[in-house]
Amino acid sequence: MAENEGPKGAILQRDKETYAIVPRIPGGLAKLENFKEIVKVVEKYNIPIIKITSGHRLALVGIKGDVINDIWQELKMDVGKATELCLHYVQACPGNIVCKYGVQDSLGLGIEIEEFFLGMDLPAKVKIGVSGCPFCCGESFVRDIGILGKKKGWTLIFGGNSARRPRIGDVIAEDITKEEAIDLTKRFLEYYVSNGKKKERTARFIERTGVDEFKKSVL
């Protein structure tokens, strides 16, 4: 998939004729109404592929460009960013709402953070992972910003990546409250915006600037 100048919220595919769209599903928590509308458009427009993404979203693949706008109107869902230089998604595990291992409300925090930082212009794409316990099902250590729940509070991680040059993120703060976690995430992103290079992911950014300098600037 590559960035293109095609229809709104659409990604041109390998065949150069069809597109994929990724509806936004905050925290990966879909509503029954979402699934009903997705089923309707899949059947109506004969969409050949429905793919669950790593960001806990659904990609609808193989769509002709002339029906993209109609599909968005019928879905009644926002566009899930997939190529833009901004927050793409917050990946969150179920946390202590339903999981017997959860010690913190990762799902609630993940949704709150996504709403708070959605649309913020950033040097490169950013993915956030929120985990409700040390099992780390939100993949917090390999996300640009990771938030990990423990009994004493939240751990904040920066600079993780699972792409071509993988990197385990650096632990920046531990045993903090939800409010402190949100505030620190804001400071992380503001510092990154002020000092990051265009299309420089956080992993490469922290390698270039140094974790000690980063800590000194955001704590």
C-alpha atoms as a PDB file:
ATOM      1  CA  MET A   1       0.000   0.000   0.000  1.00  0.00           C
ATOM      2  CA  ALA A   2       1.319   3.423  -0.876  1.00  0.00           C
ATOM      3  CA  GLU A   3       0.224   6.974  -0.257  1.00  0.00           C
ATOM      4  CA  ASN A   4      -1.737   8.433  -3.157  1.00  0.00           C
ATOM      5  CA  GLU A   5      -3.868  11.349  -4.237  1.00  0.00           C
ATOM      6  CA  GLY A   6      -6.981   9.274  -4.824  1.00  0.00           C
ATOM      7  CA  PRO A   7     -10.339   9.406  -3.042  1.00  0.00           C
ATOM      8  CA  LYS A   8     -10.631  10.502   0.585  1.00  0.00           C
ATOM      9  CA  GLY A   9      -9.230   8.020   3.066  1.00  0.00           C
ATOM     10  CA  ALA A  10      -8.247   5.506   0.354  1.00  0.00           C
ATOM     11  CA  ILE A  11      -4.967   3.703  -0.273  1.00  0.00           C
ATOM     12  CA  LEU A  12      -4.087   2.648  -3.818  1.00  0.00           C
ATOM     13  CA  GLN A  13      -3.304  -1.069  -4.156  1.00  0.00           C
ATOM     14  CA  ARG A  14      -0.725  -3.017  -6.158  1.00  0.00           C
ATOM     15  CA  ASP A  15      -3.007  -3.340  -9.180  1.00  0.00           C
ATOM     16  CA  LYS A  16      -3.130   0.499  -9.486  1.00  0.00           C
ATOM     17  CA  GLU A  17      -6.872   0.241  -9.977  1.00  0.00           C
ATOM     18  CA  THR A  18      -8.442  -0.592  -6.611  1.00  0.00           C
ATOM     19  CA  TYR A  19      -8.196   0.903  -3.135  1.00  0.00           C
ATOM     20  CA  ALA A  20      -8.283  -0.068   0.518  1.00  0.00           C
ATOM     21  CA  ILE A  21      -9.964   1.894   3.279  1.00  0.00           C
ATOM     22  CA  VAL A  22      -9.441   1.554   7.026  1.00  0.00           C
ATOM     23  CA  PRO A  23     -12.314   2.802   9.198  1.00  0.00           C
ATOM     24  CA  ARG A  24     -11.239   4.205  12.548  1.00  0.00           C
ATOM     25  CA  ILE A  25     -12.038   1.940  15.528  1.00  0.00           C
ATOM     26  CA  PRO A  26     -10.838   3.735  18.718  1.00  0.00           C
ATOM     27  CA  GLY A  27      -8.850   1.363  20.895  1.00  0.00           C
ATOM     28  CA  GLY A  28      -9.945  -1.523  18.686  1.00  0.00           C
ATOM     29  CA  LEU A  29     -13.320  -1.477  20.472  1.00  0.00           C
ATOM     30  CA  ALA A  30     -15.913  -1.857  17.710  1.00  0.00           C
ATOM     31  CA  LYS A  31     -19.637  -1.342  18.208  1.00  0.00           C
ATOM     32  CA  LEU A  32     -22.377  -3.628  16.902  1.00  0.00           C
ATOM     33  CA  GLU A  33     -23.560  -0.806  14.628  1.00  0.00           C
ATOM     34  CA  ASN A  34     -20.079  -0.660  13.056  1.00  0.00           C
ATOM     35  CA  PHE A  35     -20.188  -4.328  12.131  1.00  0.00           C
ATOM     36  CA  LYS A  36     -23.703  -4.020  10.715  1.00  0.00           C
ATOM     37  CA  GLU A  37     -22.704  -1.137   8.440  1.00  0.00           C
ATOM     38  CA  ILE A  38     -19.495  -2.914   7.377  1.00  0.00           C
ATOM     39  CA  VAL A  39     -21.449  -6.044   6.424  1.00  0.00           C
ATOM     40  CA  LYS A  40     -23.894  -3.923   4.422  1.00  0.00           C
ATOM     41  CA  VAL A  41     -21.199  -2.184   2.342  1.00  0.00           C
ATOM     42  CA  VAL A  42     -19.202  -5.395   1.839  1.00  0.00           C
ATOM     43  CA  GLU A  43     -22.256  -7.098   0.408  1.00  0.00           C
ATOM     44  CA  LYS A  44     -23.539  -4.083  -1.556  1.00  0.00           C
ATOM     45  CA  TYR A  45     -20.207  -3.238  -3.205  1.00  0.00           C
ATOM     46  CA  ASN A  46     -18.874  -6.797  -3.375  1.00  0.00           C
ATOM     47  CA  ILE A  47     -15.687  -5.946  -1.460  1.00  0.00           C
ATOM     48  CA  PRO A  48     -13.426  -9.015  -1.854  1.00  0.00           C
ATOM     49  CA  ILE A  49     -11.124  -8.726   1.185  1.00  0.00           C
ATOM     50  CA  ILE A  50     -11.691  -7.827   4.845  1.00  0.00           C
ATOM     51  CA  LYS A  51      -8.376  -7.823   6.715  1.00  0.00           C
ATOM     52  CA  ILE A  52      -7.864  -7.456  10.464  1.00  0.00           C
ATOM     53  CA  THR A  53      -4.857  -5.154  10.854  1.00  0.00           C
ATOM     54  CA  SER A  54      -2.125  -5.113  13.503  1.00  0.00           C
ATOM     55  CA  GLY A  55      -3.677  -1.903  14.828  1.00  0.00           C
ATOM     56  CA  HIS A  56      -6.930  -3.672  15.778  1.00  0.00           C
ATOM     57  CA  ARG A  57      -8.816  -2.257  12.798  1.00  0.00           C
ATOM     58  CA  LEU A  58     -10.535  -3.670   9.711  1.00  0.00           C
ATOM     59  CA  ALA A  59      -9.162  -2.902   6.257  1.00  0.00           C
ATOM     60  CA  LEU A  60     -11.645  -3.202   3.388  1.00  0.00           C
ATOM     61  CA  VAL A  61      -9.584  -4.026   0.316  1.00  0.00           C
ATOM     62  CA  GLY A  62     -10.242  -4.138  -3.428  1.00  0.00           C
ATOM     63  CA  ILE A  63     -12.656  -1.224  -3.837  1.00  0.00           C
ATOM     64  CA  LYS A  64     -13.168   0.741  -7.054  1.00  0.00           C
ATOM     65  CA  GLY A  65     -12.374   4.421  -6.661  1.00  0.00           C
ATOM     66  CA  ASP A  66     -15.742   5.723  -7.885  1.00  0.00           C
ATOM     67  CA  VAL A  67     -17.627   4.228  -4.909  1.00  0.00           C
ATOM     68  CA  ILE A  68     -15.233   5.195  -2.088  1.00  0.00           C
ATOM     69  CA  ASN A  69     -17.124   8.354  -1.075  1.00  0.00           C
ATOM     70  CA  ASP A  70     -20.454   6.501  -1.084  1.00  0.00           C
ATOM     71  CA  ILE A  71     -18.994   3.791   1.143  1.00  0.00           C
ATOM     72  CA  TRP A  72     -17.704   6.311   3.682  1.00  0.00           C
ATOM     73  CA  GLN A  73     -21.118   7.965   3.837  1.00  0.00           C
ATOM     74  CA  GLU A  74     -22.828   4.631   4.418  1.00  0.00           C
ATOM     75  CA  LEU A  75     -20.310   3.444   7.019  1.00  0.00           C
ATOM     76  CA  LYS A  76     -20.764   6.574   9.150  1.00  0.00           C
ATOM     77  CA  MET A  77     -17.244   5.985  10.523  1.00  0.00           C
ATOM     78  CA  ASP A  78     -14.186   8.237  10.586  1.00  0.00           C
ATOM     79  CA  VAL A  79     -11.119   7.511   8.475  1.00  0.00           C
ATOM     80  CA  GLY A  80      -8.419   5.515  10.244  1.00  0.00           C
ATOM     81  CA  LYS A  81      -5.125   7.173   9.314  1.00  0.00           C
ATOM     82  CA  ALA A  82      -2.756   4.768   7.562  1.00  0.00           C
ATOM     83  CA  THR A  83      -0.165   6.848   5.682  1.00  0.00           C
ATOM     84  CA  GLU A  84      -0.313  10.384   7.124  1.00  0.00           C
ATOM     85  CA  LEU A  85       2.262  11.889   9.498  1.00  0.00           C
ATOM     86  CA  CYS A  86       0.142  11.738  12.637  1.00  0.00           C
ATOM     87  CA  LEU A  87      -1.149   9.370  15.294  1.00  0.00           C
ATOM     88  CA  HIS A  88      -2.298   6.286  13.398  1.00  0.00           C
ATOM     89  CA  TYR A  89      -3.850   4.337  16.220  1.00  0.00           C
ATOM     90  CA  VAL A  90      -3.752   3.359  19.857  1.00  0.00           C
ATOM     91  CA  GLN A  91      -3.535  -0.412  20.329  1.00  0.00           C
ATOM     92  CA  ALA A  92      -5.016  -1.422  23.687  1.00  0.00           C
ATOM     93  CA  CYS A  93      -5.639  -4.773  25.352  1.00  0.00           C
ATOM     94  CA  PRO A  94      -8.885  -5.403  27.320  1.00  0.00           C
ATOM     95  CA  GLY A  95      -7.169  -4.619  30.644  1.00  0.00           C
ATOM     96  CA  ASN A  96      -8.917  -5.002  33.980  1.00  0.00           C
ATOM     97  CA  ILE A  97     -12.370  -4.397  32.509  1.00  0.00           C
ATOM     98  CA  VAL A  98     -12.662  -8.061  31.519  1.00  0.00           C
ATOM     99  CA  CYS A  99      -9.250  -9.780  31.574  1.00  0.00           C
ATOM    100  CA  LYS A 100      -8.447 -11.730  34.759  1.00  0.00           C
ATOM    101  CA  TYR A 101      -4.789 -10.725  34.476  1.00  0.00           C
ATOM    102  CA  GLY A 102      -5.440  -7.004  34.002  1.00  0.00           C
ATOM    103  CA  VAL A 103      -4.362  -4.677  36.791  1.00  0.00           C
ATOM    104  CA  GLN A 104      -5.073  -1.330  35.066  1.00  0.00           C
ATOM    105  CA  ASP A 105      -7.772  -0.005  32.716  1.00  0.00           C
ATOM    106  CA  SER A 106      -5.740  -0.059  29.501  1.00  0.00           C
ATOM    107  CA  LEU A 107      -8.780   0.050  27.225  1.00  0.00           C
ATOM    108  CA  GLY A 108     -10.209   3.150  28.886  1.00  0.00           C
ATOM    109  CA  LEU A 109      -6.840   4.917  28.895  1.00  0.00           C
ATOM    110  CA  GLY A 110      -6.139   3.925  25.296  1.00  0.00           C
ATOM    111  CA  ILE A 111      -9.405   5.364  24.023  1.00  0.00           C
ATOM    112  CA  GLU A 112      -8.888   8.564  26.049  1.00  0.00           C
ATOM    113  CA  ILE A 113      -5.378   9.040  24.665  1.00  0.00           C
ATOM    114  CA  GLU A 114      -6.504   8.417  21.088  1.00  0.00           C
ATOM    115  CA  GLU A 115      -9.242  11.045  21.371  1.00  0.00           C
ATOM    116  CA  PHE A 116      -6.834  13.500  22.996  1.00  0.00           C
ATOM    117  CA  PHE A 117      -4.069  13.298  20.393  1.00  0.00           C
ATOM    118  CA  LEU A 118      -6.071  12.482  17.259  1.00  0.00           C
ATOM    119  CA  GLY A 119      -5.221  14.859  14.411  1.00  0.00           C
ATOM    120  CA  MET A 120      -1.989  16.160  15.970  1.00  0.00           C
ATOM    121  CA  ASP A 121       0.608  16.891  13.259  1.00  0.00           C
ATOM    122  CA  LEU A 122       3.767  14.851  13.890  1.00  0.00           C
ATOM    123  CA  PRO A 123       7.150  14.378  12.176  1.00  0.00           C
ATOM    124  CA  ALA A 124       6.224  10.792  11.233  1.00  0.00           C
ATOM    125  CA  LYS A 125       3.516   8.258  11.889  1.00  0.00           C
ATOM    126  CA  VAL A 126       3.104   7.328  15.550  1.00  0.00           C
ATOM    127  CA  LYS A 127       1.606   4.185  17.054  1.00  0.00           C
ATOM    128  CA  ILE A 128       0.801   3.823  20.735  1.00  0.00           C
ATOM    129  CA  GLY A 129       0.432   0.553  22.637  1.00  0.00           C
ATOM    130  CA  VAL A 130      -1.354   0.364  26.002  1.00  0.00           C
ATOM    131  CA  SER A 131      -1.134  -2.813  28.084  1.00  0.00           C
ATOM    132  CA  GLY A 132      -3.096  -3.489  31.265  1.00  0.00           C
ATOM    133  CA  CYS A 133      -0.510  -5.783  32.858  1.00  0.00           C
ATOM    134  CA  PRO A 134       3.140  -6.911  32.458  1.00  0.00           C
ATOM    135  CA  PHE A 135       2.103  -9.601  29.932  1.00  0.00           C
ATOM    136  CA  CYS A 136       2.160  -6.583  27.564  1.00  0.00           C
ATOM    137  CA  CYS A 137      -0.518  -7.708  25.080  1.00  0.00           C
ATOM    138  CA  GLY A 138      -0.658  -4.114  23.794  1.00  0.00           C
ATOM    139  CA  GLU A 139       2.926  -4.581  22.523  1.00  0.00           C
ATOM    140  CA  SER A 140       3.977  -1.494  24.460  1.00  0.00           C
ATOM    141  CA  PHE A 141       7.739  -2.034  24.134  1.00  0.00           C
ATOM    142  CA  VAL A 142       7.670  -2.025  20.322  1.00  0.00           C
ATOM    143  CA  ARG A 143       5.415   0.986  19.796  1.00  0.00           C
ATOM    144  CA  ASP A 144       6.495   4.611  19.396  1.00  0.00           C
ATOM    145  CA  ILE A 145       4.958   5.269  22.789  1.00  0.00           C
ATOM    146  CA  GLY A 146       4.211   2.407  25.145  1.00  0.00           C
ATOM    147  CA  ILE A 147       2.112   2.512  28.284  1.00  0.00           C
ATOM    148  CA  LEU A 148       2.246  -0.502  30.577  1.00  0.00           C
ATOM    149  CA  GLY A 149       0.048  -1.087  33.629  1.00  0.00           C
ATOM    150  CA  LYS A 150       1.401  -2.510  36.877  1.00  0.00           C
ATOM    151  CA  LYS A 151      -0.115  -2.720  40.358  1.00  0.00           C
ATOM    152  CA  LYS A 152       1.601   0.484  41.476  1.00  0.00           C
ATOM    153  CA  GLY A 153       0.667   2.481  38.382  1.00  0.00           C
ATOM    154  CA  TRP A 154       1.694   3.062  34.781  1.00  0.00           C
ATOM    155  CA  THR A 155       5.089   2.698  33.081  1.00  0.00           C
ATOM    156  CA  LEU A 156       5.865   5.034  30.167  1.00  0.00           C
ATOM    157  CA  ILE A 157       8.057   3.819  27.274  1.00  0.00           C
ATOM    158  CA  PHE A 158       9.355   5.752  24.258  1.00  0.00           C
ATOM    159  CA  GLY A 159      11.049   4.861  20.980  1.00  0.00           C
ATOM    160  CA  GLY A 160       9.925   1.304  20.303  1.00  0.00           C
ATOM    161  CA  ASN A 161       9.576  -0.084  16.797  1.00  0.00           C
ATOM    162  CA  SER A 162       8.703  -3.414  15.200  1.00  0.00           C
ATOM    163  CA  ALA A 163       9.516  -2.521  11.587  1.00  0.00           C
ATOM    164  CA  ARG A 164      12.618  -3.156   9.453  1.00  0.00           C
ATOM    165  CA  ARG A 165      14.969  -2.006  12.225  1.00  0.00           C
ATOM    166  CA  PRO A 166      13.256  -3.251  15.394  1.00  0.00           C
ATOM    167  CA  ARG A 167      13.919  -1.497  18.673  1.00  0.00           C
ATOM    168  CA  ILE A 168      12.830  -2.080  22.269  1.00  0.00           C
ATOM    169  CA  GLY A 169      11.614   1.229  23.688  1.00  0.00           C
ATOM    170  CA  ASP A 170      13.256   2.982  26.624  1.00  0.00           C
ATOM    171  CA  VAL A 171      11.470   3.145  29.968  1.00  0.00           C
ATOM    172  CA  ILE A 172      11.125   6.842  30.802  1.00  0.00           C
ATOM    173  CA  ALA A 173       8.911   6.808  33.907  1.00  0.00           C
ATOM    174  CA  GLU A 174       7.372   4.229  36.248  1.00  0.00           C
ATOM    175  CA  ASP A 175       4.609   3.973  38.862  1.00  0.00           C
ATOM    176  CA  ILE A 176       2.733   7.055  37.663  1.00  0.00           C
ATOM    177  CA  THR A 177      -0.993   7.872  37.693  1.00  0.00           C
ATOM    178  CA  LYS A 178      -3.297   7.937  34.660  1.00  0.00           C
ATOM    179  CA  GLU A 179      -3.241  11.736  34.654  1.00  0.00           C
ATOM    180  CA  GLU A 180       0.561  11.754  34.786  1.00  0.00           C
ATOM    181  CA  ALA A 181       0.675   9.227  31.941  1.00  0.00           C
ATOM    182  CA  ILE A 182      -1.462  11.446  29.713  1.00  0.00           C
ATOM    183  CA  ASP A 183       0.560  14.536  30.621  1.00  0.00           C
ATOM    184  CA  LEU A 184       3.861  12.769  29.932  1.00  0.00           C
ATOM    185  CA  THR A 185       2.571  11.446  26.603  1.00  0.00           C
ATOM    186  CA  LYS A 186       1.774  15.063  25.702  1.00  0.00           C
ATOM    187  CA  ARG A 187       5.303  16.133  26.647  1.00  0.00           C
ATOM    188  CA  PHE A 188       6.801  13.238  24.664  1.00  0.00           C
ATOM    189  CA  LEU A 189       4.927  14.245  21.525  1.00  0.00           C
ATOM    190  CA  GLU A 190       5.568  17.974  21.922  1.00  0.00           C
ATOM    191  CA  TYR A 191       9.312  17.396  22.283  1.00  0.00           C
ATOM    192  CA  TYR A 192       9.252  15.030  19.311  1.00  0.00           C
ATOM    193  CA  VAL A 193       7.376  17.617  17.202  1.00  0.00           C
ATOM    194  CA  SER A 194       9.898  20.329  18.116  1.00  0.00           C
ATOM    195  CA  ASN A 195      13.030  18.250  17.501  1.00  0.00           C
ATOM    196  CA  GLY A 196      12.157  15.394  15.150  1.00  0.00           C
ATOM    197  CA  LYS A 197      12.981  15.321  11.438  1.00  0.00           C
ATOM    198  CA  LYS A 198      10.301  14.714   8.833  1.00  0.00           C
ATOM    199  CA  LYS A 199       9.496  10.985   8.528  1.00  0.00           C
ATOM    200  CA  GLU A 200      11.904  10.170  11.381  1.00  0.00           C
ATOM    201  CA  ARG A 201      10.168   7.568  13.543  1.00  0.00           C
ATOM    202  CA  THR A 202      10.622   7.797  17.311  1.00  0.00           C
ATOM    203  CA  ALA A 203      13.072   4.852  17.350  1.00  0.00           C
ATOM    204  CA  ARG A 204      15.510   6.655  15.080  1.00  0.00           C
ATOM    205  CA  PHE A 205      14.801   9.959  16.852  1.00  0.00           C
ATOM    206  CA  ILE A 206      15.749   8.635  20.291  1.00  0.00           C
ATOM    207  CA  GLU A 207      18.865   6.975  18.853  1.00  0.00           C
ATOM    208  CA  ARG A 208      19.928  10.310  17.365  1.00  0.00           C
ATOM    209  CA  THR A 209      19.132  12.550  20.338  1.00  0.00           C
ATOM    210  CA  GLY A 210      19.933  10.107  23.164  1.00  0.00           C
ATOM    211  CA  VAL A 211      17.670   8.822  25.894  1.00  0.00           C
ATOM    212  CA  ASP A 212      19.381  10.874  28.632  1.00  0.00           C
ATOM    213  CA  GLU A 213      18.741  14.129  26.774  1.00  0.00           C
ATOM    214  CA  PHE A 214      15.167  13.061  26.127  1.00  0.00           C
ATOM    215  CA  LYS A 215      14.551  12.309  29.804  1.00  0.00           C
ATOM    216  CA  LYS A 216      16.114  15.616  30.855  1.00  0.00           C
ATOM    217  CA  SER A 217      13.820  17.480  28.478  1.00  0.00           C
ATOM    218  CA  VAL A 218      10.478  15.789  29.232  1.00  0.00           C
ATOM    219  CA  LEU A 219      10.650  14.946  32.956  1.00  0.00           C
END
